């Protein structure tokens, strides 16, 4: 539906015109009898076209047209009047009327022609508006492009200069639009000279040959250059792109050029290159073998120096090959299964031990981690492996295991001797009744024994031999007059007291150790073996004490792994 404002000072004619125009269903017509009222109405609503009489009181059709156009309204305007003077027609067209139609004649034909003129004017206006909108959209797009962009016509006149261009050059669009003579080159080169955009319109090989940095892709031109005075004279790397501009008929009407500041990108690329060189250097000098396989066929694409040395092949001989080219089938099958597990699960796989056959060093044992490398879609594109040669370490562990077995055998031998000693102790206990008849003889025996011997009853010592006196540094009277726990390291007293109670209950605890504090403050690690006896008719313990301090210190000096085994053999070792 086309909305029409029909203005005429003859109401009858308005009614007839509205009737004829609306009967076909293409128009909806509002009528009004004066131009001033029509102007007021135009301020409140929009129409697709205006039909106006020429000769009207207060304001004629030409003045009405002039008022409409000076307001900036480009609505189609048809002057429909009975006046046919030539000067009126000329004035109407000069003021911006779209059509002039003279009244008179057969009404049906006349209003049919009027309807045709209205449709024609509206279609023309819509087409022009579409073109203007298209041009405006193009101008807006260019204006707000993130890259600095400008355009010239075929005469070299600047027809577009966007905001990014203003920011890059400091030249406002209002200062350069419409200018030619290479004005656009001045901000970049400080001289008027052809730039990339000109080579689009003038494909002169002689000129282009002077600029070897220019590249071509069809009708598009590319170039990269450093402008030293940009970026506060620090210099800027710029990327230029230029191509032709076409009209709706496909004819070249100019050219457009975009300029991008790639300074940061170049710096980033340089940093990445340096970083890549650094990483390559790191990878090349890592002592472990590093290799990379293509995820599609598991063929090698990268090896470091350590990989060459371990396998005994030049890396060029390895590239493009698979495990089956270098290893026995069972080994290659094992490697391939692990590789597929890494790629299928997209997880790191740790292989603590795997055996490989190398070219020069024979069979080696590796600890390998296999890592999937994913592409931008999240799918594995490569598989990286890091392998540590642990052959020497495993051999050392085997040797250490052999030594452990020897120590364990020695321990078992000591245990056998200890059992024999216990049996001897039992024999001694069995003969205590006879020994008690000759206590003095017994005292002489144990006092002169080379081992440190103590008899304890409840919390006091009842007897110590000379060896105990020398071991502790205390005189006999102090040892016999004070509770035994006072000579024990504070941290071990609870254990000693508990062990004594076990002995009284007849529970055999075996050999155990504790820390003895000498009179001079020195702390000794001693080993005690005890058995239950009767002393003066009451239960007591007969204790054989051995100083093992130096032995414990020697055990600590062993490597950690041997130390752990020694501790296991010795039981609870407490050192000062």
Protein backbone atom coordinates (compact mmCIF):
# COMPACT_ATOMS: atom_id res chain seq x y z
CA UNK A 1 0.00 0.00 0.00
CA UNK A 2 1.27 3.45 -1.01
CA UNK A 3 0.30 6.23 1.42
CA UNK A 4 -0.50 9.54 -0.32
CA UNK A 5 -1.13 13.05 1.00
CA UNK A 6 -3.42 14.84 -1.52
CA UNK A 7 -3.53 18.68 -1.13
CA UNK A 8 -6.10 20.86 -3.02
CA UNK A 9 -8.37 23.74 -2.10
CA UNK A 10 -11.32 22.11 -3.96
CA UNK A 11 -12.94 19.48 -1.65
CA UNK A 12 -14.96 17.97 -4.51
CA UNK A 13 -11.83 17.29 -6.54
CA UNK A 14 -10.18 15.77 -3.44
CA UNK A 15 -13.08 13.38 -2.96
CA UNK A 16 -13.05 12.30 -6.60
CA UNK A 17 -9.26 11.80 -6.59
CA UNK A 18 -9.33 9.78 -3.32
CA UNK A 19 -12.12 7.59 -4.76
CA UNK A 20 -10.27 6.85 -8.02
CA UNK A 21 -6.87 6.20 -6.38
CA UNK A 22 -8.12 3.93 -3.60
CA UNK A 23 -10.48 1.79 -5.66
CA UNK A 24 -7.67 -0.44 -6.95
CA UNK A 25 -6.45 -1.22 -3.44
CA UNK A 26 -2.88 0.04 -4.07
CA UNK A 27 -3.24 3.43 -2.39
CA UNK A 28 -4.45 4.88 0.87
CA UNK A 29 -5.10 8.62 0.50
CA UNK A 30 -5.36 11.40 3.10
CA UNK A 31 -6.83 14.70 1.80
CA UNK A 32 -6.30 18.22 3.10
CA UNK A 33 -7.38 21.61 1.70
CA UNK A 34 -4.36 23.88 2.45
CA UNK A 35 -0.63 23.75 2.16
CA UNK A 36 0.09 25.13 5.67
CA UNK A 37 -2.08 22.41 7.19
CA UNK A 38 -0.29 19.86 5.04
CA UNK A 39 3.10 21.05 6.34
CA UNK A 40 1.87 20.67 9.91
CA UNK A 41 0.60 17.19 9.13
CA UNK A 42 3.97 16.19 7.64
CA UNK A 43 5.58 16.98 10.98
CA UNK A 44 3.45 14.32 12.64
CA UNK A 45 3.51 11.40 10.16
CA UNK A 46 5.23 10.10 7.05
CA UNK A 47 3.80 9.51 3.57
CA UNK A 48 5.15 7.75 0.50
CA UNK A 49 4.14 10.60 -1.89
CA UNK A 50 2.50 14.04 -2.07
CA UNK A 51 0.00 15.20 -4.74
CA UNK A 52 -0.50 18.97 -4.70
CA UNK A 53 -2.49 21.56 -6.64
CA UNK A 54 -0.60 24.63 -7.83
CA UNK A 55 -2.99 27.53 -7.33
CA UNK A 56 -4.19 27.60 -3.70
CA UNK A 57 -4.89 30.49 -1.26
CA UNK A 58 -2.35 31.31 1.51
CA UNK A 59 0.43 29.17 -0.11
CA UNK A 60 0.62 27.89 -3.70
CA UNK A 61 1.97 24.50 -4.74
CA UNK A 62 5.45 25.80 -5.68
CA UNK A 63 5.97 27.42 -2.25
CA UNK A 64 4.62 24.26 -0.60
CA UNK A 65 7.16 22.20 -2.58
CA UNK A 66 9.95 24.60 -1.64
CA UNK A 67 9.07 24.32 2.08
CA UNK A 68 9.05 20.52 1.88
CA UNK A 69 12.44 20.35 0.19
CA UNK A 70 14.15 22.93 2.43
CA UNK A 71 13.11 20.85 5.44
CA UNK A 72 15.26 18.04 4.04
CA UNK A 73 12.30 15.86 3.04
CA UNK A 74 12.92 14.03 -0.25
CA UNK A 75 9.41 12.55 -0.52
CA UNK A 76 8.13 12.14 -4.14
CA UNK A 77 6.15 15.25 -5.09
CA UNK A 78 3.67 15.41 -8.02
CA UNK A 79 2.31 18.82 -8.98
CA UNK A 80 -1.30 18.29 -10.26
CA UNK A 81 -2.75 21.55 -11.53
CA UNK A 82 -4.90 23.18 -14.16
CA UNK A 83 -2.21 25.73 -14.95
CA UNK A 84 -0.14 24.66 -17.94
CA UNK A 85 2.25 27.50 -18.33
CA UNK A 86 5.75 26.52 -19.20
CA UNK A 87 7.38 28.68 -16.56
CA UNK A 88 5.39 26.93 -13.83
CA UNK A 89 6.54 23.54 -15.05
CA UNK A 90 10.18 24.65 -15.14
CA UNK A 91 9.96 26.22 -11.68
CA UNK A 92 8.31 23.09 -10.25
CA UNK A 93 11.00 20.82 -11.64
CA UNK A 94 13.75 23.20 -10.47
CA UNK A 95 12.35 23.15 -6.93
CA UNK A 96 12.48 19.37 -6.88
CA UNK A 97 9.12 18.14 -8.17
CA UNK A 98 9.24 14.56 -9.47
CA UNK A 99 6.41 14.96 -11.98
CA UNK A 100 4.09 17.64 -13.31
CA UNK A 101 0.58 16.60 -14.45
CA UNK A 102 -2.02 18.96 -15.87
CA UNK A 103 -5.66 18.65 -14.88
CA UNK A 104 -8.42 18.29 -17.48
CA UNK A 105 -9.80 15.71 -19.83
CA UNK A 106 -11.60 12.46 -19.14
CA UNK A 107 -11.40 11.73 -15.35
CA UNK A 108 -10.66 7.99 -15.53
CA UNK A 109 -7.72 8.44 -17.91
CA UNK A 110 -6.48 11.43 -15.95
CA UNK A 111 -6.46 9.69 -12.55
CA UNK A 112 -5.08 6.52 -14.10
CA UNK A 113 -2.13 8.57 -15.33
CA UNK A 114 -1.88 10.25 -11.93
CA UNK A 115 -1.73 6.84 -10.21
CA UNK A 116 0.97 5.75 -12.68
CA UNK A 117 3.03 8.87 -11.96
CA UNK A 118 2.69 8.29 -8.20
CA UNK A 119 3.82 4.64 -8.49
CA UNK A 120 6.68 5.64 -10.78
CA UNK A 121 7.84 8.40 -8.42
CA UNK A 122 7.63 6.12 -5.36
CA UNK A 123 9.55 3.29 -7.08
CA UNK A 124 12.23 5.74 -8.20
CA UNK A 125 12.47 7.17 -4.70
CA UNK A 126 12.74 3.70 -3.16
CA UNK A 127 15.47 2.74 -5.64
CA UNK A 128 17.41 5.91 -4.92
CA UNK A 129 16.95 5.39 -1.19
CA UNK A 130 18.19 1.82 -1.51
CA UNK A 131 21.28 3.07 -3.35
CA UNK A 132 21.83 5.76 -0.75
CA UNK A 133 21.38 3.25 2.06
CA UNK A 134 23.80 0.89 0.35
CA UNK A 135 26.35 3.65 -0.11
CA UNK A 136 25.84 4.77 3.47
CA UNK A 137 26.29 1.23 4.75
CA UNK A 138 29.46 0.88 2.74
CA UNK A 139 30.69 4.20 4.07
CA UNK A 140 29.83 3.17 7.64
CA UNK A 141 31.55 -0.19 7.19
CA UNK A 142 34.69 1.47 5.87
CA UNK A 143 34.57 4.10 8.59
CA UNK A 144 34.44 1.55 11.39
CA UNK A 145 36.81 -1.06 9.97
CA UNK A 146 39.48 -1.85 12.59
CA UNK A 147 42.23 -1.49 9.98
CA UNK A 148 43.22 1.94 8.67
CA UNK A 149 41.42 2.18 5.28
CA UNK A 150 41.07 4.77 2.55
CA UNK A 151 39.79 4.80 -1.03
CA UNK A 152 40.39 6.88 -4.17
CA UNK A 153 38.48 7.26 -7.42
CA UNK A 154 39.98 6.69 -10.85
CA UNK A 155 41.31 10.27 -10.85
CA UNK A 156 43.26 9.69 -7.62
CA UNK A 157 40.89 11.78 -5.47
CA UNK A 158 40.36 10.59 -1.90
CA UNK A 159 36.75 9.41 -1.47
CA UNK A 160 37.02 7.59 1.87
CA UNK A 161 39.25 7.97 4.94
CA UNK A 162 38.10 6.02 7.99
CA UNK A 163 38.55 6.63 11.70
CA UNK A 164 41.41 4.13 12.02
CA UNK A 165 43.19 6.04 9.23
CA UNK A 166 42.71 9.28 11.14
CA UNK A 167 44.21 7.68 14.25
CA UNK A 168 47.17 6.18 12.39
CA UNK A 169 48.13 9.29 10.40
CA UNK A 170 46.78 12.11 12.54
CA UNK A 171 45.03 13.47 9.43
CA UNK A 172 41.27 14.04 9.78
CA UNK A 173 38.93 12.89 7.03
CA UNK A 174 37.59 16.43 6.55
CA UNK A 175 41.13 17.60 5.76
CA UNK A 176 41.83 15.10 2.97
CA UNK A 177 38.54 13.98 1.38
CA UNK A 178 38.36 15.26 -2.21
CA UNK A 179 42.11 15.85 -2.46
CA UNK A 180 44.36 14.25 -5.08
CA UNK A 181 47.94 14.61 -6.31
CA UNK A 182 49.10 11.79 -3.97
CA UNK A 183 48.03 13.72 -0.87
CA UNK A 184 47.48 10.40 0.89
CA UNK A 185 51.18 9.48 0.54
CA UNK A 186 52.41 12.42 2.63
CA UNK A 187 51.66 10.97 6.12
CA UNK A 188 53.66 7.85 5.25
CA UNK A 189 56.53 9.00 3.02
CA UNK A 190 56.66 12.77 3.51
CA UNK A 191 56.48 13.17 -0.26
CA UNK A 192 53.91 12.93 -3.03
CA UNK A 193 54.52 9.61 -4.76
CA UNK A 194 52.60 6.56 -5.96
CA UNK A 195 51.71 4.06 -3.26
CA UNK A 196 50.24 0.58 -3.39
CA UNK A 197 46.71 1.80 -4.17
CA UNK A 198 47.94 3.54 -7.31
CA UNK A 199 49.41 0.34 -8.72
CA UNK A 200 45.91 -1.18 -8.62
CA UNK A 201 44.65 1.48 -11.06
CA UNK A 202 47.86 1.74 -13.08
CA UNK A 203 49.38 -1.66 -13.63
CA UNK A 204 52.66 -0.35 -14.95
CA UNK A 205 55.29 -3.14 -14.71
CA UNK A 206 58.10 -0.61 -14.88
CA UNK A 207 56.79 1.18 -11.78
CA UNK A 208 55.93 -2.00 -9.89
CA UNK A 209 59.43 -3.35 -10.61
CA UNK A 210 60.80 -0.50 -8.50
CA UNK A 211 59.00 -1.94 -5.50
CA UNK A 212 60.16 -5.57 -5.07
CA UNK A 213 58.28 -5.87 -1.79
CA UNK A 214 54.93 -5.85 -3.62
CA UNK A 215 53.14 -9.19 -4.02
CA UNK A 216 50.10 -9.91 -6.17
CA UNK A 217 47.15 -12.28 -5.79
CA UNK A 218 44.90 -11.73 -8.79
CA UNK A 219 43.92 -8.07 -8.64
CA UNK A 220 44.89 -7.73 -4.99
CA UNK A 221 48.26 -6.28 -4.07
CA UNK A 222 50.14 -6.81 -0.81
CA UNK A 223 53.19 -5.17 0.66
CA UNK A 224 55.01 -4.88 3.95
CA UNK A 225 57.22 -1.98 4.94
CA UNK A 226 58.68 -0.32 8.02
CA UNK A 227 57.87 3.38 8.53
CA UNK A 228 60.63 4.75 10.71
CA UNK A 229 58.93 7.95 11.89
CA UNK A 230 55.77 6.20 13.13
CA UNK A 231 55.25 5.16 16.75
CA UNK A 232 57.03 8.21 18.15
CA UNK A 233 60.00 7.60 15.84
CA UNK A 234 60.41 4.07 17.21
CA UNK A 235 59.29 2.71 13.86
CA UNK A 236 56.27 0.66 12.87
CA UNK A 237 55.90 -2.42 10.67
CA UNK A 238 52.90 -1.95 8.39
CA UNK A 239 51.04 -4.44 6.17
CA UNK A 240 49.34 -2.93 3.10
CA UNK A 241 46.53 -4.49 1.05
CA UNK A 242 44.93 -2.84 -1.99
CA UNK A 243 42.29 -3.91 -4.53
CA UNK A 244 39.91 -2.31 -7.09
CA UNK A 245 36.47 -0.81 -6.33
CA UNK A 246 33.61 -1.73 -8.67
CA UNK A 247 30.21 -0.20 -9.38
CA UNK A 248 27.01 -2.20 -9.84
CA UNK A 249 27.88 -2.77 -13.51
CA UNK A 250 31.22 -4.32 -12.63
CA UNK A 251 33.26 -1.35 -13.81
CA UNK A 252 36.30 -0.17 -11.84
CA UNK A 253 35.47 3.16 -10.23
CA UNK A 254 38.45 3.42 -7.90
CA UNK A 255 40.61 1.48 -5.46
CA UNK A 256 40.69 0.80 -1.74
CA UNK A 257 43.65 0.18 0.54
CA UNK A 258 43.85 -1.14 4.10
CA UNK A 259 46.86 -0.72 6.35
CA UNK A 260 47.50 -2.81 9.45
CA UNK A 261 50.09 -2.11 12.11
CA UNK A 262 51.82 -5.46 12.56
CA UNK A 263 54.62 -4.20 14.79
CA UNK A 264 53.50 -6.20 17.81
CA UNK A 265 52.85 -9.26 15.66
CA UNK A 266 56.36 -9.03 14.21
CA UNK A 267 57.80 -8.69 17.68
CA UNK A 268 55.72 -11.64 18.83
CA UNK A 269 56.87 -13.68 15.84
CA UNK A 270 60.46 -12.76 16.58
CA UNK A 271 59.97 -13.71 20.21
CA UNK A 272 58.34 -16.97 19.18
CA UNK A 273 61.20 -17.69 16.82
CA UNK A 274 63.70 -17.02 19.58
CA UNK A 275 61.61 -19.11 21.97
CA UNK A 276 61.44 -21.91 19.42
CA UNK A 277 65.19 -21.79 18.96
CA UNK A 278 65.64 -21.88 22.72
CA UNK A 279 63.27 -24.84 23.09
CA UNK A 280 64.95 -26.66 20.22
CA UNK A 281 68.28 -26.09 21.91
CA UNK A 282 66.88 -27.39 25.20
CA UNK A 283 65.37 -30.46 23.52
CA UNK A 284 68.58 -31.17 21.63
CA UNK A 285 70.67 -31.07 24.79
CA UNK A 286 68.37 -32.97 27.15
CA UNK A 287 70.16 -36.20 28.15
CA UNK A 288 66.98 -38.26 27.76
CA UNK A 289 65.77 -39.48 24.36
CA UNK A 290 62.91 -37.39 22.94
CA UNK A 291 60.99 -38.57 19.90
CA UNK A 292 57.79 -37.52 18.11
CA UNK A 293 55.49 -39.73 16.02
CA UNK A 294 52.73 -38.83 13.59
CA UNK A 295 49.42 -39.84 15.18
CA UNK A 296 48.09 -41.16 11.86
CA UNK A 297 50.63 -43.88 11.15
CA UNK A 298 52.96 -43.76 14.21
CA UNK A 299 55.99 -42.97 12.06
CA UNK A 300 58.86 -40.97 13.51
CA UNK A 301 59.05 -37.26 12.63
CA UNK A 302 61.50 -35.96 15.26
CA UNK A 303 64.45 -37.18 17.34
CA UNK A 304 66.97 -35.36 19.50
CA UNK A 305 70.69 -36.06 19.80
CA UNK A 306 70.19 -38.33 22.81
CA UNK A 307 67.83 -40.44 20.69
CA UNK A 308 70.45 -40.81 17.97
CA UNK A 309 73.07 -41.82 20.51
CA UNK A 310 70.83 -44.32 22.32
CA UNK A 311 69.44 -46.08 19.25
CA UNK A 312 72.66 -45.88 17.25
CA UNK A 313 71.04 -44.36 14.13
CA UNK A 314 71.25 -40.97 12.46
CA UNK A 315 67.93 -39.17 12.83
CA UNK A 316 67.60 -38.91 9.05
CA UNK A 317 67.53 -42.72 8.98
CA UNK A 318 64.75 -42.75 11.56
CA UNK A 319 62.37 -40.21 10.02
CA UNK A 320 59.42 -41.75 8.21
CA UNK A 321 60.07 -45.16 9.78
CA UNK A 322 58.09 -47.03 12.43
CA UNK A 323 59.08 -49.23 15.37
CA UNK A 324 58.81 -52.30 13.16
CA UNK A 325 61.76 -51.03 11.09
CA UNK A 326 64.17 -51.16 14.05
CA UNK A 327 62.92 -53.49 16.78
CA UNK A 328 61.85 -57.16 17.01
CA UNK A 329 58.17 -57.70 16.35
CA UNK A 330 57.25 -58.42 19.97
CA UNK A 331 58.91 -55.18 21.09
CA UNK A 332 57.33 -53.19 18.23
CA UNK A 333 53.92 -54.69 19.10
CA UNK A 334 54.36 -53.57 22.71
CA UNK A 335 55.34 -50.03 21.72
CA UNK A 336 52.44 -49.77 19.25
CA UNK A 337 49.86 -50.89 21.84
CA UNK A 338 51.08 -48.27 24.28
CA UNK A 339 51.05 -45.60 21.56
CA UNK A 340 47.45 -46.40 20.64
CA UNK A 341 46.42 -46.29 24.29
CA UNK A 342 47.89 -42.80 24.59
CA UNK A 343 46.11 -41.56 21.45
CA UNK A 344 42.76 -43.25 22.20
CA UNK A 345 42.57 -42.08 25.80
CA UNK A 346 44.33 -38.77 25.10
CA UNK A 347 46.17 -39.24 28.40
CA UNK A 348 49.80 -39.47 29.43
CA UNK A 349 51.01 -43.06 29.83
CA UNK A 350 53.93 -43.86 32.15
CA UNK A 351 55.89 -47.03 31.35
CA UNK A 352 58.26 -47.67 34.30
CA UNK A 353 60.31 -50.27 32.43
CA UNK A 354 60.56 -51.34 28.81
CA UNK A 355 63.37 -53.18 27.10
CA UNK A 356 64.66 -52.19 23.66
CA UNK A 357 67.36 -53.57 21.42
CA UNK A 358 69.72 -50.82 20.30
CA UNK A 359 72.10 -50.93 17.38
CA UNK A 360 75.34 -50.35 19.27
CA UNK A 361 74.68 -50.82 23.01
CA UNK A 362 72.58 -53.99 22.87
CA UNK A 363 69.59 -54.36 25.16
CA UNK A 364 68.75 -51.33 27.26
CA UNK A 365 66.06 -50.67 29.86
CA UNK A 366 64.06 -47.43 29.52
CA UNK A 367 61.61 -45.50 31.67
CA UNK A 368 59.28 -43.86 29.15
CA UNK A 369 56.45 -41.33 29.29
CA UNK A 370 54.25 -40.98 26.20
CA UNK A 371 52.25 -37.78 25.76
CA UNK A 372 49.50 -36.94 23.20
CA UNK A 373 49.89 -33.61 21.38
CA UNK A 374 46.47 -32.23 20.41
CA UNK A 375 45.59 -29.96 17.49
CA UNK A 376 43.25 -26.94 17.63
CA UNK A 377 40.21 -29.24 17.40
CA UNK A 378 41.26 -31.21 20.46
CA UNK A 379 42.24 -34.32 18.52
CA UNK A 380 45.71 -35.92 18.79
CA UNK A 381 47.99 -35.00 15.90
CA UNK A 382 51.32 -36.21 17.31
CA UNK A 383 52.65 -38.46 20.05
CA UNK A 384 55.73 -37.39 22.00
CA UNK A 385 57.87 -39.77 24.01
CA UNK A 386 60.52 -39.03 26.65
CA UNK A 387 62.73 -42.03 27.50
CA UNK A 388 65.31 -42.23 30.28
CA UNK A 389 67.95 -44.95 30.00
CA UNK A 390 67.81 -46.63 33.42
CA UNK A 391 69.93 -49.66 32.51
CA UNK A 392 72.87 -48.70 34.74
CA UNK A 393 70.56 -47.87 37.61
CA UNK A 394 68.75 -51.19 37.32
CA UNK A 395 72.08 -53.03 37.30
CA UNK A 396 73.13 -51.10 40.39
CA UNK A 397 69.84 -52.04 42.05
CA UNK A 398 70.45 -55.68 41.20
CA UNK A 399 73.92 -55.48 42.74
CA UNK A 400 72.46 -53.80 45.79
CA UNK A 401 69.86 -56.57 46.01
CA UNK A 402 72.64 -59.15 45.96
CA UNK A 403 74.36 -57.33 48.80
CA UNK A 404 71.10 -57.21 50.71
CA UNK A 405 70.77 -60.96 50.37
CA UNK A 406 74.27 -61.40 51.73
CA UNK A 407 73.42 -59.15 54.67
CA UNK A 408 70.22 -61.08 55.25
CA UNK A 409 72.19 -64.33 55.29
CA UNK A 410 74.58 -62.80 57.82
CA UNK A 411 71.60 -61.71 59.89
CA UNK A 412 70.21 -65.23 59.85
CA UNK A 413 73.59 -66.53 60.97
CA UNK A 414 73.62 -64.02 63.81
CA UNK A 415 70.12 -65.08 64.77
CA UNK A 416 71.26 -68.68 64.93
CA UNK A 417 74.14 -67.67 67.17
CA UNK A 418 71.74 -65.64 69.26
CA UNK A 419 69.46 -68.65 69.66
CA UNK A 420 72.44 -70.68 70.71
CA UNK A 421 73.30 -68.01 73.25
CA UNK A 422 69.76 -68.00 74.57
CA UNK A 423 69.97 -71.74 75.00
CA UNK A 424 73.14 -71.25 76.93
CA UNK A 425 71.36 -68.65 79.06
CA UNK A 426 68.61 -71.11 79.77
CA UNK A 427 71.17 -73.61 80.84
CA UNK A 428 72.64 -71.01 83.16
CA UNK A 429 69.21 -70.28 84.64
CA UNK A 430 68.57 -73.98 85.11
CA UNK A 431 71.73 -74.21 87.16
CA UNK A 432 70.97 -71.07 89.21
CA UNK A 433 69.94 -73.07 92.26
CA UNK A 434 73.45 -74.42 92.41
CA UNK A 435 74.95 -71.05 91.74
CA UNK A 436 72.93 -69.44 94.56
CA UNK A 437 74.69 -71.77 97.02
CA UNK A 438 77.88 -70.09 96.08
CA UNK A 439 76.85 -66.45 95.54
CA UNK A 440 80.34 -65.25 96.08
CA UNK A 441 81.55 -67.52 93.36
CA UNK A 442 78.77 -66.22 91.14
CA UNK A 443 79.70 -62.61 91.86
CA UNK A 444 83.33 -63.29 91.02
CA UNK A 445 82.19 -64.90 87.78
CA UNK A 446 79.98 -62.06 86.56
CA UNK A 447 82.11 -59.27 87.96
CA UNK A 448 85.02 -60.46 85.89
CA UNK A 449 82.94 -61.17 82.80
CA UNK A 450 83.90 -59.18 79.70
CA UNK A 451 80.24 -58.38 78.97
CA UNK A 452 78.35 -55.69 80.88
CA UNK A 453 75.94 -57.49 83.21
CA UNK A 454 73.15 -55.95 85.28
CA UNK A 455 70.62 -57.54 87.60
CA UNK A 456 67.49 -55.42 88.00
CA UNK A 457 64.63 -55.90 90.43
CA UNK A 458 61.62 -53.67 90.15
CA UNK A 459 63.03 -50.18 89.42
CA UNK A 460 66.45 -50.56 91.04
CA UNK A 461 69.68 -52.21 90.05
CA UNK A 462 70.70 -54.96 92.41
CA UNK A 463 73.99 -55.85 90.83
CA UNK A 464 76.42 -54.35 88.25
CA UNK A 465 79.77 -55.71 87.19
CA UNK A 466 82.93 -53.75 86.52
CA UNK A 467 82.16 -53.56 82.79
CA UNK A 468 78.88 -51.68 83.52
CA UNK A 469 80.75 -49.22 85.75
CA UNK A 470 83.22 -48.52 82.94
CA UNK A 471 80.46 -48.30 80.32
CA UNK A 472 78.31 -45.83 82.29
CA UNK A 473 81.04 -43.84 83.98
CA UNK A 474 79.17 -44.04 87.32
CA UNK A 475 80.60 -45.55 90.50
CA UNK A 476 78.88 -48.67 91.80
CA UNK A 477 77.24 -46.89 94.77
CA UNK A 478 75.46 -44.41 92.47
CA UNK A 479 74.29 -47.14 90.12
CA UNK A 480 72.84 -49.22 92.97
CA UNK A 481 71.25 -46.37 94.91
CA UNK A 482 69.28 -44.69 92.08
CA UNK A 483 66.38 -45.95 89.92
CA UNK A 484 67.68 -47.54 86.75
CA UNK A 485 65.52 -45.29 84.49
CA UNK A 486 67.56 -42.26 85.55
CA UNK A 487 70.45 -43.60 83.46
CA UNK A 488 68.19 -44.12 80.39
CA UNK A 489 67.58 -41.41 77.79
CA UNK A 490 64.25 -39.68 78.65
CA UNK A 491 62.70 -40.63 75.28
CA UNK A 492 63.36 -44.35 75.93
CA UNK A 493 62.21 -44.64 79.56
CA UNK A 494 58.60 -45.58 78.78
CA UNK A 495 59.76 -48.40 76.51
CA UNK A 496 62.23 -49.76 79.11
CA UNK A 497 59.59 -49.71 81.88
CA UNK A 498 57.08 -51.52 79.68
CA UNK A 499 59.66 -54.14 78.64
CA UNK A 500 60.48 -54.84 82.32
CA UNK A 501 56.81 -55.55 83.04
CA UNK A 502 56.68 -57.95 80.10
CA UNK A 503 59.69 -59.79 81.43
CA UNK A 504 58.03 -60.13 84.83
CA UNK A 505 54.99 -61.66 83.10
CA UNK A 506 57.26 -64.20 81.43
CA UNK A 507 56.89 -62.67 77.93
CA UNK A 508 60.10 -63.02 75.92
CA UNK A 509 60.82 -59.79 74.05
CA UNK A 510 64.05 -60.73 72.33
CA UNK A 511 66.87 -58.27 71.87
CA UNK A 512 66.10 -54.56 71.92
CA UNK A 513 68.04 -51.33 72.04
CA UNK A 514 67.88 -48.10 74.02
CA UNK A 515 69.98 -45.04 74.65
CA UNK A 516 72.14 -44.95 77.81
CA UNK A 517 73.27 -41.57 79.16
CA UNK A 518 76.79 -41.71 80.62
CA UNK A 519 77.79 -39.65 83.61
CA UNK A 520 79.72 -37.28 81.34
CA UNK A 521 76.60 -36.68 79.23
CA UNK A 522 77.59 -38.84 76.29
CA UNK A 523 74.70 -40.84 74.86
CA UNK A 524 75.40 -44.46 73.90
CA UNK A 525 73.25 -46.84 71.93
CA UNK A 526 73.23 -50.20 73.71
CA UNK A 527 71.70 -53.58 72.92
CA UNK A 528 70.21 -55.54 75.83
CA UNK A 529 69.38 -59.22 76.15
CA UNK A 530 67.55 -60.19 79.33
CA UNK A 531 66.24 -63.27 81.04
CA UNK A 532 64.16 -63.83 84.17
CA UNK A 533 65.88 -65.12 87.33
CA UNK A 534 65.26 -65.28 91.07
CA UNK A 535 67.26 -62.88 93.19
CA UNK A 536 66.98 -63.21 96.91
CA UNK A 537 63.81 -65.25 96.32
CA UNK A 538 62.07 -62.61 94.17
CA UNK A 539 61.77 -62.26 90.35
CA UNK A 540 64.50 -60.21 88.73
CA UNK A 541 66.05 -59.82 85.30
CA UNK A 542 69.55 -60.79 84.31
CA UNK A 543 70.62 -58.33 81.55
CA UNK A 544 73.53 -58.54 79.15
CA UNK A 545 74.35 -55.11 77.69
CA UNK A 546 76.44 -54.44 74.57
CA UNK A 547 77.60 -51.02 73.35
CA UNK A 548 76.58 -50.81 69.61
CA UNK A 549 77.01 -47.05 69.14
CA UNK A 550 79.81 -47.32 66.59
CA UNK A 551 77.95 -50.01 64.69
CA UNK A 552 74.89 -47.77 64.36
CA UNK A 553 76.97 -44.82 63.24
CA UNK A 554 78.54 -46.99 60.56
CA UNK A 555 75.13 -48.10 59.36
CA UNK A 556 74.00 -44.51 58.93
CA UNK A 557 77.00 -43.87 56.73
CA UNK A 558 75.72 -46.49 54.28
CA UNK A 559 73.67 -45.29 51.21
CA UNK A 560 70.05 -44.64 52.03
CA UNK A 561 68.76 -47.82 50.44
CA UNK A 562 71.34 -49.93 52.34
CA UNK A 563 70.60 -47.93 55.47
CA UNK A 564 66.94 -48.86 55.29
CA UNK A 565 67.83 -52.52 54.99
CA UNK A 566 70.31 -52.31 57.87
CA UNK A 567 67.64 -50.70 60.06
CA UNK A 568 65.24 -53.44 59.14
CA UNK A 569 67.84 -56.02 60.17
CA UNK A 570 68.82 -54.32 63.41
CA UNK A 571 65.29 -53.61 64.61
CA UNK A 572 64.51 -50.36 66.41
CA UNK A 573 67.69 -48.31 66.12
CA UNK A 574 67.87 -45.24 68.29
CA UNK A 575 70.87 -43.01 67.80
CA UNK A 576 71.96 -39.95 69.78
